[in-house]
Amino acid sequence: RLTEKPGRVAIYGWHKLDGKAIQLLTIVHGETYVDYSHGVRLMKR
């Protein structure tokens, strides 16, 4: 979805205990938007 609009960040998740994500995949925010709820979990290449 990052190909849809330039300069965006893709955010997803924050799962509740029932396994459902509060945040569906979104690119509504610009790439410089950061708030307290964002996290970066890295995976090995």
PDB file of all heavy atoms in Angstrom:
ATOM      1  N   ARG A   1       0.820  -1.211   0.000  1.00  0.00           N
ATOM      2  CA  ARG A   1       0.000   0.000   0.000  1.00  0.00           C
ATOM      3  C   ARG A   1       0.861   1.272   0.000  1.00  0.00           C
ATOM      4  O   ARG A   1       0.361   2.353  -0.316  1.00  0.00           O
ATOM      5  CB  ARG A   1      -0.937   0.005   1.205  1.00  0.00           C
ATOM      6  CG  ARG A   1      -2.050  -1.040   1.125  1.00  0.00           C
ATOM      7  CD  ARG A   1      -3.186  -0.697   2.058  1.00  0.00           C
ATOM      8  NE  ARG A   1      -3.760   0.602   1.730  1.00  0.00           N
ATOM      9  CZ  ARG A   1      -4.554   1.285   2.557  1.00  0.00           C
ATOM     10  NH1 ARG A   1      -4.853   0.784   3.747  1.00  0.00           N
ATOM     11  NH2 ARG A   1      -5.044   2.452   2.194  1.00  0.00           N
ATOM     12  N   LEU A   2       2.121   1.130   0.332  1.00  0.00           N
ATOM     13  CA  LEU A   2       2.999   2.295   0.306  1.00  0.00           C
ATOM     14  C   LEU A   2       3.207   2.822  -1.109  1.00  0.00           C
ATOM     15  O   LEU A   2       3.739   3.922  -1.291  1.00  0.00           O
ATOM     16  CB  LEU A   2       4.344   1.945   0.946  1.00  0.00           C
ATOM     17  CG  LEU A   2       4.297   1.698   2.460  1.00  0.00           C
ATOM     18  CD1 LEU A   2       5.601   1.089   2.936  1.00  0.00           C
ATOM     19  CD2 LEU A   2       4.004   2.998   3.206  1.00  0.00           C
ATOM     20  N   THR A   3       2.818   2.037  -2.124  1.00  0.00           N
ATOM     21  CA  THR A   3       2.897   2.520  -3.501  1.00  0.00           C
ATOM     22  C   THR A   3       1.718   3.426  -3.858  1.00  0.00           C
ATOM     23  O   THR A   3       1.745   4.093  -4.894  1.00  0.00           O
ATOM     24  CB  THR A   3       2.926   1.343  -4.496  1.00  0.00           C
ATOM     25  OG1 THR A   3       1.696   0.605  -4.401  1.00  0.00           O
ATOM     26  CG2 THR A   3       4.089   0.408  -4.194  1.00  0.00           C
ATOM     27  N   GLU A   4       0.692   3.462  -3.001  1.00  0.00           N
ATOM     28  CA  GLU A   4      -0.506   4.239  -3.318  1.00  0.00           C
ATOM     29  C   GLU A   4      -0.275   5.741  -3.203  1.00  0.00           C
ATOM     30  O   GLU A   4      -0.779   6.527  -4.002  1.00  0.00           O
ATOM     31  CB  GLU A   4      -1.653   3.834  -2.394  1.00  0.00           C
ATOM     32  CG  GLU A   4      -2.106   2.380  -2.556  1.00  0.00           C
ATOM     33  CD  GLU A   4      -3.146   1.994  -1.510  1.00  0.00           C
ATOM     34  OE1 GLU A   4      -3.687   2.910  -0.844  1.00  0.00           O
ATOM     35  OE2 GLU A   4      -3.405   0.787  -1.343  1.00  0.00           O
ATOM     36  N   LYS A   5       0.467   6.134  -2.157  1.00  0.00           N
ATOM     37  CA  LYS A   5       0.724   7.540  -1.906  1.00  0.00           C
ATOM     38  C   LYS A   5       2.169   7.707  -1.468  1.00  0.00           C
ATOM     39  O   LYS A   5       2.704   6.882  -0.748  1.00  0.00           O
ATOM     40  CB  LYS A   5      -0.209   8.088  -0.814  1.00  0.00           C
ATOM     41  CG  LYS A   5      -1.674   8.092  -1.169  1.00  0.00           C
ATOM     42  CD  LYS A   5      -2.508   8.654  -0.022  1.00  0.00           C
ATOM     43  CE  LYS A   5      -3.991   8.671  -0.369  1.00  0.00           C
ATOM     44  NZ  LYS A   5      -4.801   9.195   0.765  1.00  0.00           N
ATOM     45  N   PRO A   6       2.802   8.783  -1.898  1.00  0.00           N
ATOM     46  CA  PRO A   6       4.189   9.004  -1.492  1.00  0.00           C
ATOM     47  C   PRO A   6       4.285   9.476  -0.054  1.00  0.00           C
ATOM     48  O   PRO A   6       3.373  10.113   0.478  1.00  0.00           O
ATOM     49  CB  PRO A   6       4.672  10.089  -2.455  1.00  0.00           C
ATOM     50  CG  PRO A   6       3.430  10.845  -2.793  1.00  0.00           C
ATOM     51  CD  PRO A   6       2.320   9.827  -2.822  1.00  0.00           C
ATOM     52  N   GLY A   7       5.403   9.143   0.588  1.00  0.00           N
ATOM     53  CA  GLY A   7       5.725   9.711   1.890  1.00  0.00           C
ATOM     54  C   GLY A   7       4.807   9.302   3.016  1.00  0.00           C
ATOM     55  O   GLY A   7       4.442  10.131   3.857  1.00  0.00           O
ATOM     56  N   ARG A   8       4.428   8.036   3.083  1.00  0.00           N
ATOM     57  CA  ARG A   8       3.545   7.556   4.141  1.00  0.00           C
ATOM     58  C   ARG A   8       4.229   6.497   5.001  1.00  0.00           C
ATOM     59  O   ARG A   8       5.243   5.914   4.622  1.00  0.00           O
ATOM     60  CB  ARG A   8       2.258   6.971   3.541  1.00  0.00           C
ATOM     61  CG  ARG A   8       1.426   7.953   2.739  1.00  0.00           C
ATOM     62  CD  ARG A   8       0.982   9.134   3.596  1.00  0.00           C
ATOM     63  NE  ARG A   8       0.345  10.180   2.829  1.00  0.00           N
ATOM     64  CZ  ARG A   8      -0.924  10.560   3.004  1.00  0.00           C
ATOM     65  NH1 ARG A   8      -1.680   9.950   3.901  1.00  0.00           N
ATOM     66  NH2 ARG A   8      -1.414  11.537   2.282  1.00  0.00           N
ATOM     67  N   VAL A   9       3.633   6.238   6.166  1.00  0.00           N
ATOM     68  CA  VAL A   9       4.064   5.141   7.027  1.00  0.00           C
ATOM     69  C   VAL A   9       2.911   4.149   7.120  1.00  0.00           C
ATOM     70  O   VAL A   9       1.746   4.541   7.207  1.00  0.00           O
ATOM     71  CB  VAL A   9       4.454   5.639   8.439  1.00  0.00           C
ATOM     72  CG1 VAL A   9       3.313   6.390   9.119  1.00  0.00           C
ATOM     73  CG2 VAL A   9       4.905   4.471   9.312  1.00  0.00           C
ATOM     74  N   ALA A  10       3.229   2.863   7.061  1.00  0.00           N
ATOM     75  CA  ALA A  10       2.218   1.813   7.192  1.00  0.00           C
ATOM     76  C   ALA A  10       2.221   1.321   8.634  1.00  0.00           C
ATOM     77  O   ALA A  10       3.266   0.926   9.163  1.00  0.00           O
ATOM     78  CB  ALA A  10       2.505   0.664   6.236  1.00  0.00           C
ATOM     79  N   ILE A  11       1.031   1.351   9.252  1.00  0.00           N
ATOM     80  CA  ILE A  11       0.882   0.953  10.656  1.00  0.00           C
ATOM     81  C   ILE A  11      -0.171  -0.138  10.749  1.00  0.00           C
ATOM     82  O   ILE A  11      -1.190  -0.103  10.060  1.00  0.00           O
ATOM     83  CB  ILE A  11       0.441   2.155  11.522  1.00  0.00           C
ATOM     84  CG1 ILE A  11       1.479   3.275  11.446  1.00  0.00           C
ATOM     85  CG2 ILE A  11       0.226   1.737  12.972  1.00  0.00           C
ATOM     86  CD1 ILE A  11       2.796   2.953  12.065  1.00  0.00           C
ATOM     87  N   TYR A  12       0.077  -1.116  11.622  1.00  0.00           N
ATOM     88  CA  TYR A  12      -0.883  -2.207  11.793  1.00  0.00           C
ATOM     89  C   TYR A  12      -0.728  -2.828  13.179  1.00  0.00           C
ATOM     90  O   TYR A  12       0.380  -2.880  13.725  1.00  0.00           O
ATOM     91  CB  TYR A  12      -0.656  -3.293  10.741  1.00  0.00           C
ATOM     92  CG  TYR A  12      -1.480  -4.548  11.000  1.00  0.00           C
ATOM     93  CD1 TYR A  12      -2.841  -4.569  10.728  1.00  0.00           C
ATOM     94  CD2 TYR A  12      -0.895  -5.688  11.558  1.00  0.00           C
ATOM     95  CE1 TYR A  12      -3.600  -5.701  10.998  1.00  0.00           C
ATOM     96  CE2 TYR A  12      -1.649  -6.819  11.806  1.00  0.00           C
ATOM     97  CZ  TYR A  12      -2.999  -6.826  11.530  1.00  0.00           C
ATOM     98  OH  TYR A  12      -3.760  -7.926  11.801  1.00  0.00           O
ATOM     99  N   GLY A  13      -1.854  -3.321  13.720  1.00  0.00           N
ATOM    100  CA  GLY A  13      -1.764  -4.187  14.890  1.00  0.00           C
ATOM    101  C   GLY A  13      -2.343  -3.630  16.167  1.00  0.00           C
ATOM    102  O   GLY A  13      -3.400  -3.042  16.173  1.00  0.00           O
ATOM    103  N   TRP A  14      -1.597  -3.805  17.264  1.00  0.00           N
ATOM    104  CA  TRP A  14      -2.051  -3.542  18.620  1.00  0.00           C
ATOM    105  C   TRP A  14      -3.228  -4.468  18.930  1.00  0.00           C
ATOM    106  O   TRP A  14      -4.356  -4.052  19.108  1.00  0.00           O
ATOM    107  CB  TRP A  14      -2.428  -2.083  18.806  1.00  0.00           C
ATOM    108  CG  TRP A  14      -2.085  -1.577  20.182  1.00  0.00           C
ATOM    109  CD1 TRP A  14      -1.478  -2.255  21.176  1.00  0.00           C
ATOM    110  CD2 TRP A  14      -2.355  -0.275  20.701  1.00  0.00           C
ATOM    111  NE1 TRP A  14      -1.320  -1.469  22.281  1.00  0.00           N
ATOM    112  CE2 TRP A  14      -1.861  -0.241  22.008  1.00  0.00           C
ATOM    113  CE3 TRP A  14      -2.964   0.865  20.194  1.00  0.00           C
ATOM    114  CZ2 TRP A  14      -1.954   0.892  22.823  1.00  0.00           C
ATOM    115  CZ3 TRP A  14      -3.049   1.985  20.998  1.00  0.00           C
ATOM    116  CH2 TRP A  14      -2.562   2.009  22.287  1.00  0.00           C
ATOM    117  N   HIS A  15      -2.906  -5.755  18.944  1.00  0.00           N
ATOM    118  CA  HIS A  15      -3.924  -6.791  19.110  1.00  0.00           C
ATOM    119  C   HIS A  15      -4.510  -6.794  20.521  1.00  0.00           C
ATOM    120  O   HIS A  15      -3.791  -6.675  21.507  1.00  0.00           O
ATOM    121  CB  HIS A  15      -3.327  -8.172  18.828  1.00  0.00           C
ATOM    122  CG  HIS A  15      -2.884  -8.353  17.413  1.00  0.00           C
ATOM    123  ND1 HIS A  15      -1.737  -7.792  16.919  1.00  0.00           N
ATOM    124  CD2 HIS A  15      -3.446  -9.064  16.380  1.00  0.00           C
ATOM    125  CE1 HIS A  15      -1.588  -8.142  15.655  1.00  0.00           C
ATOM    126  NE2 HIS A  15      -2.604  -8.903  15.298  1.00  0.00           N
ATOM    127  N   LYS A  16      -5.818  -6.964  20.563  1.00  0.00           N
ATOM    128  CA  LYS A  16      -6.511  -7.140  21.838  1.00  0.00           C
ATOM    129  C   LYS A  16      -6.400  -8.610  22.264  1.00  0.00           C
ATOM    130  O   LYS A  16      -5.946  -9.461  21.509  1.00  0.00           O
ATOM    131  CB  LYS A  16      -7.966  -6.724  21.698  1.00  0.00           C
ATOM    132  CG  LYS A  16      -8.145  -5.243  21.352  1.00  0.00           C
ATOM    133  CD  LYS A  16      -9.603  -4.843  21.308  1.00  0.00           C
ATOM    134  CE  LYS A  16     -10.328  -5.503  20.133  1.00  0.00           C
ATOM    135  NZ  LYS A  16     -11.731  -5.039  20.019  1.00  0.00           N
ATOM    136  N   LEU A  17      -6.838  -8.904  23.463  1.00  0.00           N
ATOM    137  CA  LEU A  17      -6.703 -10.268  23.981  1.00  0.00           C
ATOM    138  C   LEU A  17      -7.516 -11.285  23.188  1.00  0.00           C
ATOM    139  O   LEU A  17      -7.232 -12.485  23.243  1.00  0.00           O
ATOM    140  CB  LEU A  17      -7.105 -10.312  25.460  1.00  0.00           C
ATOM    141  CG  LEU A  17      -6.169  -9.550  26.419  1.00  0.00           C
ATOM    142  CD1 LEU A  17      -6.677  -9.655  27.856  1.00  0.00           C
ATOM    143  CD2 LEU A  17      -4.751 -10.090  26.318  1.00  0.00           C
ATOM    144  N   ASP A  18      -8.515 -10.824  22.426  1.00  0.00           N
ATOM    145  CA  ASP A  18      -9.274 -11.749  21.583  1.00  0.00           C
ATOM    146  C   ASP A  18      -8.578 -12.005  20.245  1.00  0.00           C
ATOM    147  O   ASP A  18      -9.100 -12.704  19.375  1.00  0.00           O
ATOM    148  CB  ASP A  18     -10.696 -11.244  21.349  1.00  0.00           C
ATOM    149  CG  ASP A  18     -10.741  -9.885  20.627  1.00  0.00           C
ATOM    150  OD1 ASP A  18      -9.669  -9.389  20.204  1.00  0.00           O
ATOM    151  OD2 ASP A  18     -11.845  -9.324  20.492  1.00  0.00           O
ATOM    152  N   GLY A  19      -7.375 -11.404  20.059  1.00  0.00           N
ATOM    153  CA  GLY A  19      -6.599 -11.628  18.851  1.00  0.00           C
ATOM    154  C   GLY A  19      -6.895 -10.656  17.724  1.00  0.00           C
ATOM    155  O   GLY A  19      -6.230 -10.696  16.683  1.00  0.00           O
ATOM    156  N   LYS A  20      -7.884  -9.783  17.892  1.00  0.00           N
ATOM    157  CA  LYS A  20      -8.234  -8.823  16.853  1.00  0.00           C
ATOM    158  C   LYS A  20      -7.388  -7.559  16.996  1.00  0.00           C
ATOM    159  O   LYS A  20      -7.181  -7.058  18.102  1.00  0.00           O
ATOM    160  CB  LYS A  20      -9.718  -8.482  16.918  1.00  0.00           C
ATOM    161  CG  LYS A  20     -10.628  -9.667  16.624  1.00  0.00           C
ATOM    162  CD  LYS A  20     -12.098  -9.266  16.694  1.00  0.00           C
ATOM    163  CE  LYS A  20     -12.997 -10.457  16.396  1.00  0.00           C
ATOM    164  NZ  LYS A  20     -14.441 -10.084  16.481  1.00  0.00           N
ATOM    165  N   ALA A  21      -6.944  -7.037  15.866  1.00  0.00           N
ATOM    166  CA  ALA A  21      -6.103  -5.844  15.880  1.00  0.00           C
ATOM    167  C   ALA A  21      -6.955  -4.586  15.999  1.00  0.00           C
ATOM    168  O   ALA A  21      -7.959  -4.437  15.294  1.00  0.00           O
ATOM    169  CB  ALA A  21      -5.261  -5.776  14.615  1.00  0.00           C
ATOM    170  N   ILE A  22      -6.563  -3.689  16.901  1.00  0.00           N
ATOM    171  CA  ILE A  22      -7.241  -2.395  17.008  1.00  0.00           C
ATOM    172  C   ILE A  22      -7.027  -1.584  15.733  1.00  0.00           C
ATOM    173  O   ILE A  22      -7.956  -0.979  15.193  1.00  0.00           O
ATOM    174  CB  ILE A  22      -6.695  -1.608  18.224  1.00  0.00           C
ATOM    175  CG1 ILE A  22      -7.122  -2.274  19.533  1.00  0.00           C
ATOM    176  CG2 ILE A  22      -7.174  -0.157  18.185  1.00  0.00           C
ATOM    177  CD1 ILE A  22      -6.571  -1.582  20.767  1.00  0.00           C
ATOM    178  N   GLN A  23      -5.784  -1.610  15.250  1.00  0.00           N
ATOM    179  CA  GLN A  23      -5.426  -0.823  14.080  1.00  0.00           C
ATOM    180  C   GLN A  23      -5.334  -1.708  12.843  1.00  0.00           C
ATOM    181  O   GLN A  23      -4.428  -2.519  12.713  1.00  0.00           O
ATOM    182  CB  GLN A  23      -4.084  -0.120  14.301  1.00  0.00           C
ATOM    183  CG  GLN A  23      -3.606   0.700  13.128  1.00  0.00           C
ATOM    184  CD  GLN A  23      -4.546   1.841  12.822  1.00  0.00           C
ATOM    185  OE1 GLN A  23      -4.649   2.793  13.599  1.00  0.00           O
ATOM    186  NE2 GLN A  23      -5.254   1.768  11.711  1.00  0.00           N
ATOM    187  N   LEU A  24      -6.283  -1.559  11.931  1.00  0.00           N
ATOM    188  CA  LEU A  24      -6.163  -2.229  10.654  1.00  0.00           C
ATOM    189  C   LEU A  24      -5.051  -1.550   9.854  1.00  0.00           C
ATOM    190  O   LEU A  24      -4.670  -0.417  10.141  1.00  0.00           O
ATOM    191  CB  LEU A  24      -7.492  -2.180   9.901  1.00  0.00           C
ATOM    192  CG  LEU A  24      -8.680  -2.842  10.608  1.00  0.00           C
ATOM    193  CD1 LEU A  24      -9.930  -2.729   9.741  1.00  0.00           C
ATOM    194  CD2 LEU A  24      -8.393  -4.287  10.950  1.00  0.00           C
ATOM    195  N   LEU A  25      -4.543  -2.231   8.855  1.00  0.00           N
ATOM    196  CA  LEU A  25      -3.444  -1.681   8.066  1.00  0.00           C
ATOM    197  C   LEU A  25      -3.849  -0.321   7.490  1.00  0.00           C
ATOM    198  O   LEU A  25      -4.865  -0.198   6.808  1.00  0.00           O
ATOM    199  CB  LEU A  25      -3.083  -2.631   6.928  1.00  0.00           C
ATOM    200  CG  LEU A  25      -1.924  -2.186   6.029  1.00  0.00           C
ATOM    201  CD1 LEU A  25      -0.629  -2.110   6.818  1.00  0.00           C
ATOM    202  CD2 LEU A  25      -1.768  -3.147   4.860  1.00  0.00           C
ATOM    203  N   THR A  26      -3.027   0.691   7.751  1.00  0.00           N
ATOM    204  CA  THR A  26      -3.350   2.035   7.288  1.00  0.00           C
ATOM    205  C   THR A  26      -2.095   2.756   6.842  1.00  0.00           C
ATOM    206  O   THR A  26      -1.004   2.508   7.368  1.00  0.00           O
ATOM    207  CB  THR A  26      -4.025   2.866   8.406  1.00  0.00           C
ATOM    208  OG1 THR A  26      -4.322   4.177   7.910  1.00  0.00           O
ATOM    209  CG2 THR A  26      -3.135   2.997   9.622  1.00  0.00           C
ATOM    210  N   ILE A  27      -2.260   3.649   5.884  1.00  0.00           N
ATOM    211  CA  ILE A  27      -1.183   4.546   5.475  1.00  0.00           C
ATOM    212  C   ILE A  27      -1.664   5.992   5.567  1.00  0.00           C
ATOM    213  O   ILE A  27      -1.205   6.870   4.851  1.00  0.00           O
ATOM    214  CB  ILE A  27      -0.703   4.231   4.043  1.00  0.00           C
ATOM    215  CG1 ILE A  27      -1.856   4.348   3.035  1.00  0.00           C
ATOM    216  CG2 ILE A  27      -0.042   2.862   3.970  1.00  0.00           C
ATOM    217  CD1 ILE A  27      -1.397   4.352   1.584  1.00  0.00           C
ATOM    218  N   VAL A  28      -2.589   6.255   6.494  1.00  0.00           N
ATOM    219  CA  VAL A  28      -3.199   7.576   6.606  1.00  0.00           C
ATOM    220  C   VAL A  28      -2.185   8.627   7.058  1.00  0.00           C
ATOM    221  O   VAL A  28      -2.313   9.799   6.707  1.00  0.00           O
ATOM    222  CB  VAL A  28      -4.406   7.533   7.574  1.00  0.00           C
ATOM    223  CG1 VAL A  28      -3.968   7.248   9.005  1.00  0.00           C
ATOM    224  CG2 VAL A  28      -5.210   8.835   7.498  1.00  0.00           C
ATOM    225  N   HIS A  29      -1.168   8.209   7.821  1.00  0.00           N
ATOM    226  CA  HIS A  29      -0.214   9.169   8.361  1.00  0.00           C
ATOM    227  C   HIS A  29       0.979   9.362   7.433  1.00  0.00           C
ATOM    228  O   HIS A  29       1.430   8.426   6.774  1.00  0.00           O
ATOM    229  CB  HIS A  29       0.297   8.712   9.728  1.00  0.00           C
ATOM    230  CG  HIS A  29      -0.752   8.696  10.791  1.00  0.00           C
ATOM    231  ND1 HIS A  29      -1.431   9.834  11.178  1.00  0.00           N
ATOM    232  CD2 HIS A  29      -1.236   7.682  11.569  1.00  0.00           C
ATOM    233  CE1 HIS A  29      -2.293   9.518  12.135  1.00  0.00           C
ATOM    234  NE2 HIS A  29      -2.198   8.224  12.388  1.00  0.00           N
ATOM    235  N   GLY A  30       1.509  10.581   7.446  1.00  0.00           N
ATOM    236  CA  GLY A  30       2.732  10.868   6.717  1.00  0.00           C
ATOM    237  C   GLY A  30       3.918  10.180   7.377  1.00  0.00           C
ATOM    238  O   GLY A  30       3.863   9.783   8.549  1.00  0.00           O
ATOM    239  N   GLU A  31       5.006  10.094   6.650  1.00  0.00           N
ATOM    240  CA  GLU A  31       6.173   9.338   7.115  1.00  0.00           C
ATOM    241  C   GLU A  31       6.852   9.953   8.336  1.00  0.00           C
ATOM    242  O   GLU A  31       7.629   9.284   9.022  1.00  0.00           O
ATOM    243  CB  GLU A  31       7.198   9.220   5.996  1.00  0.00           C
ATOM    244  CG  GLU A  31       7.741  10.556   5.537  1.00  0.00           C
ATOM    245  CD  GLU A  31       8.630  10.445   4.312  1.00  0.00           C
ATOM    246  OE1 GLU A  31       8.752   9.349   3.757  1.00  0.00           O
ATOM    247  OE2 GLU A  31       9.201  11.462   3.918  1.00  0.00           O
ATOM    248  N   THR A  32       6.568  11.218   8.635  1.00  0.00           N
ATOM    249  CA  THR A  32       7.173  11.845   9.809  1.00  0.00           C
ATOM    250  C   THR A  32       6.248  11.820  11.023  1.00  0.00           C
ATOM    251  O   THR A  32       6.585  12.385  12.069  1.00  0.00           O
ATOM    252  CB  THR A  32       7.571  13.297   9.510  1.00  0.00           C
ATOM    253  OG1 THR A  32       6.414  14.038   9.104  1.00  0.00           O
ATOM    254  CG2 THR A  32       8.630  13.347   8.416  1.00  0.00           C
ATOM    255  N   TYR A  33       5.099  11.158  10.905  1.00  0.00           N
ATOM    256  CA  TYR A  33       4.197  11.082  12.056  1.00  0.00           C
ATOM    257  C   TYR A  33       4.636   9.944  12.975  1.00  0.00           C
ATOM    258  O   TYR A  33       4.802   8.792  12.537  1.00  0.00           O
ATOM    259  CB  TYR A  33       2.753  10.849  11.611  1.00  0.00           C
ATOM    260  CG  TYR A  33       1.805  10.716  12.787  1.00  0.00           C
ATOM    261  CD1 TYR A  33       1.325  11.835  13.443  1.00  0.00           C
ATOM    262  CD2 TYR A  33       1.421   9.464  13.260  1.00  0.00           C
ATOM    263  CE1 TYR A  33       0.477  11.730  14.536  1.00  0.00           C
ATOM    264  CE2 TYR A  33       0.571   9.340  14.348  1.00  0.00           C
ATOM    265  CZ  TYR A  33       0.108  10.473  14.984  1.00  0.00           C
ATOM    266  OH  TYR A  33      -0.717  10.358  16.068  1.00  0.00           O
ATOM    267  N   VAL A  34       4.796  10.250  14.239  1.00  0.00           N
ATOM    268  CA  VAL A  34       5.166   9.250  15.252  1.00  0.00           C
ATOM    269  C   VAL A  34       4.359   9.530  16.509  1.00  0.00           C
ATOM    270  O   VAL A  34       4.330  10.668  16.994  1.00  0.00           O
ATOM    271  CB  VAL A  34       6.669   9.322  15.605  1.00  0.00           C
ATOM    272  CG1 VAL A  34       7.029   8.225  16.597  1.00  0.00           C
ATOM    273  CG2 VAL A  34       7.531   9.216  14.362  1.00  0.00           C
ATOM    274  N   ASP A  35       3.700   8.513  17.044  1.00  0.00           N
ATOM    275  CA  ASP A  35       3.070   8.707  18.348  1.00  0.00           C
ATOM    276  C   ASP A  35       3.415   7.547  19.285  1.00  0.00           C
ATOM    277  O   ASP A  35       4.089   6.586  18.897  1.00  0.00           O
ATOM    278  CB  ASP A  35       1.553   8.931  18.219  1.00  0.00           C
ATOM    279  CG  ASP A  35       0.752   7.675  17.863  1.00  0.00           C
ATOM    280  OD1 ASP A  35       1.131   6.559  18.271  1.00  0.00           O
ATOM    281  OD2 ASP A  35      -0.288   7.822  17.179  1.00  0.00           O
ATOM    282  N   TYR A  36       2.965   7.667  20.522  1.00  0.00           N
ATOM    283  CA  TYR A  36       3.331   6.743  21.600  1.00  0.00           C
ATOM    284  C   TYR A  36       2.990   5.290  21.296  1.00  0.00           C
ATOM    285  O   TYR A  36       3.609   4.362  21.826  1.00  0.00           O
ATOM    286  CB  TYR A  36       2.615   7.160  22.888  1.00  0.00           C
ATOM    287  CG  TYR A  36       1.157   6.750  22.889  1.00  0.00           C
ATOM    288  CD1 TYR A  36       0.738   5.579  23.500  1.00  0.00           C
ATOM    289  CD2 TYR A  36       0.195   7.500  22.200  1.00  0.00           C
ATOM    290  CE1 TYR A  36      -0.592   5.175  23.456  1.00  0.00           C
ATOM    291  CE2 TYR A  36      -1.115   7.113  22.146  1.00  0.00           C
ATOM    292  CZ  TYR A  36      -1.510   5.946  22.783  1.00  0.00           C
ATOM    293  OH  TYR A  36      -2.816   5.525  22.728  1.00  0.00           O
ATOM    294  N   SER A  37       1.984   5.054  20.439  1.00  0.00           N
ATOM    295  CA  SER A  37       1.495   3.689  20.214  1.00  0.00           C
ATOM    296  C   SER A  37       2.319   2.923  19.192  1.00  0.00           C
ATOM    297  O   SER A  37       2.157   1.711  19.046  1.00  0.00           O
ATOM    298  CB  SER A  37       0.040   3.723  19.745  1.00  0.00           C
ATOM    299  OG  SER A  37      -0.070   4.303  18.450  1.00  0.00           O
ATOM    300  N   HIS A  38       3.223   3.598  18.483  1.00  0.00           N
ATOM    301  CA  HIS A  38       4.009   2.949  17.429  1.00  0.00           C
ATOM    302  C   HIS A  38       5.180   2.170  18.026  1.00  0.00           C
ATOM    303  O   HIS A  38       5.830   2.630  18.967  1.00  0.00           O
ATOM    304  CB  HIS A  38       4.560   3.980  16.446  1.00  0.00           C
ATOM    305  CG  HIS A  38       3.508   4.711  15.697  1.00  0.00           C
ATOM    306  ND1 HIS A  38       3.797   5.587  14.672  1.00  0.00           N
ATOM    307  CD2 HIS A  38       2.154   4.710  15.795  1.00  0.00           C
ATOM    308  CE1 HIS A  38       2.660   6.086  14.183  1.00  0.00           C
ATOM    309  NE2 HIS A  38       1.658   5.576  14.862  1.00  0.00           N
ATOM    310  N   GLY A  39       5.454   1.018  17.460  1.00  0.00           N
ATOM    311  CA  GLY A  39       6.601   0.223  17.874  1.00  0.00           C
ATOM    312  C   GLY A  39       7.296  -0.380  16.665  1.00  0.00           C
ATOM    313  O   GLY A  39       6.685  -0.595  15.619  1.00  0.00           O
ATOM    314  N   VAL A  40       8.592  -0.645  16.820  1.00  0.00           N
ATOM    315  CA  VAL A  40       9.375  -1.259  15.749  1.00  0.00           C
ATOM    316  C   VAL A  40       9.946  -2.570  16.265  1.00  0.00           C
ATOM    317  O   VAL A  40      10.804  -2.590  17.143  1.00  0.00           O
ATOM    318  CB  VAL A  40      10.512  -0.332  15.281  1.00  0.00           C
ATOM    319  CG1 VAL A  40      11.404  -1.055  14.277  1.00  0.00           C
ATOM    320  CG2 VAL A  40       9.948   0.940  14.674  1.00  0.00           C
ATOM    321  N   ARG A  41       9.413  -3.674  15.751  1.00  0.00           N
ATOM    322  CA  ARG A  41       9.933  -4.994  16.094  1.00  0.00           C
ATOM    323  C   ARG A  41      10.654  -5.531  14.853  1.00  0.00           C
ATOM    324  O   ARG A  41      10.028  -5.799  13.824  1.00  0.00           O
ATOM    325  CB  ARG A  41       8.818  -5.958  16.487  1.00  0.00           C
ATOM    326  CG  ARG A  41       9.363  -7.293  17.042  1.00  0.00           C
ATOM    327  CD  ARG A  41       8.281  -8.353  17.058  1.00  0.00           C
ATOM    328  NE  ARG A  41       7.121  -7.994  17.820  1.00  0.00           N
ATOM    329  CZ  ARG A  41       6.939  -8.257  19.128  1.00  0.00           C
ATOM    330  NH1 ARG A  41       7.879  -8.885  19.799  1.00  0.00           N
ATOM    331  NH2 ARG A  41       5.814  -7.895  19.729  1.00  0.00           N
ATOM    332  N   LEU A  42      11.950  -5.686  14.936  1.00  0.00           N
ATOM    333  CA  LEU A  42      12.737  -6.119  13.790  1.00  0.00           C
ATOM    334  C   LEU A  42      12.771  -7.629  13.669  1.00  0.00           C
ATOM    335  O   LEU A  42      12.695  -8.351  14.660  1.00  0.00           O
ATOM    336  CB  LEU A  42      14.163  -5.583  13.899  1.00  0.00           C
ATOM    337  CG  LEU A  42      14.307  -4.061  13.945  1.00  0.00           C
ATOM    338  CD1 LEU A  42      15.782  -3.676  14.050  1.00  0.00           C
ATOM    339  CD2 LEU A  42      13.672  -3.411  12.727  1.00  0.00           C
ATOM    340  N   MET A  43      12.883  -8.088  12.429  1.00  0.00           N
ATOM    341  CA  MET A  43      13.082  -9.502  12.149  1.00  0.00           C
ATOM    342  C   MET A  43      14.402  -9.666  11.409  1.00  0.00           C
ATOM    343  O   MET A  43      14.853  -8.759  10.706  1.00  0.00           O
ATOM    344  CB  MET A  43      11.933 -10.068  11.309  1.00  0.00           C
ATOM    345  CG  MET A  43      11.798  -9.470   9.932  1.00  0.00           C
ATOM    346  SD  MET A  43      10.341 -10.091   9.013  1.00  0.00           S
ATOM    347  CE  MET A  43      10.722 -11.836   8.868  1.00  0.00           C
ATOM    348  N   LYS A  44      15.044 -10.806  11.563  1.00  0.00           N
ATOM    349  CA  LYS A  44      16.306 -11.036  10.875  1.00  0.00           C
ATOM    350  C   LYS A  44      16.093 -11.140   9.376  1.00  0.00           C
ATOM    351  O   LYS A  44      15.084 -11.686   8.913  1.00  0.00           O
ATOM    352  CB  LYS A  44      16.981 -12.304  11.405  1.00  0.00           C
ATOM    353  CG  LYS A  44      17.570 -12.137  12.800  1.00  0.00           C
ATOM    354  CD  LYS A  44      18.416 -13.343  13.190  1.00  0.00           C
ATOM    355  CE  LYS A  44      19.067 -13.139  14.553  1.00  0.00           C
ATOM    356  NZ  LYS A  44      19.906 -14.304  14.942  1.00  0.00           N
ATOM    357  N   ARG A  45      17.069 -10.636   8.607  1.00  0.00           N
ATOM    358  CA  ARG A  45      16.964 -10.671   7.148  1.00  0.00           C
ATOM    359  C   ARG A  45      16.987 -12.098   6.610  1.00  0.00           C
ATOM    360  O   ARG A  45      16.340 -12.410   5.603  1.00  0.00           O
ATOM    361  CB  ARG A  45      18.135  -9.890   6.521  1.00  0.00           C
ATOM    362  CG  ARG A  45      17.950  -8.402   6.445  1.00  0.00           C
ATOM    363  CD  ARG A  45      16.985  -8.003   5.355  1.00  0.00           C
ATOM    364  NE  ARG A  45      17.428  -8.280   4.022  1.00  0.00           N
ATOM    365  CZ  ARG A  45      17.982  -7.397   3.220  1.00  0.00           C
ATOM    366  NH1 ARG A  45      18.188  -6.160   3.633  1.00  0.00           N
ATOM    367  NH2 ARG A  45      18.340  -7.712   1.983  1.00  0.00           N
TER     368      ARG A  45
END
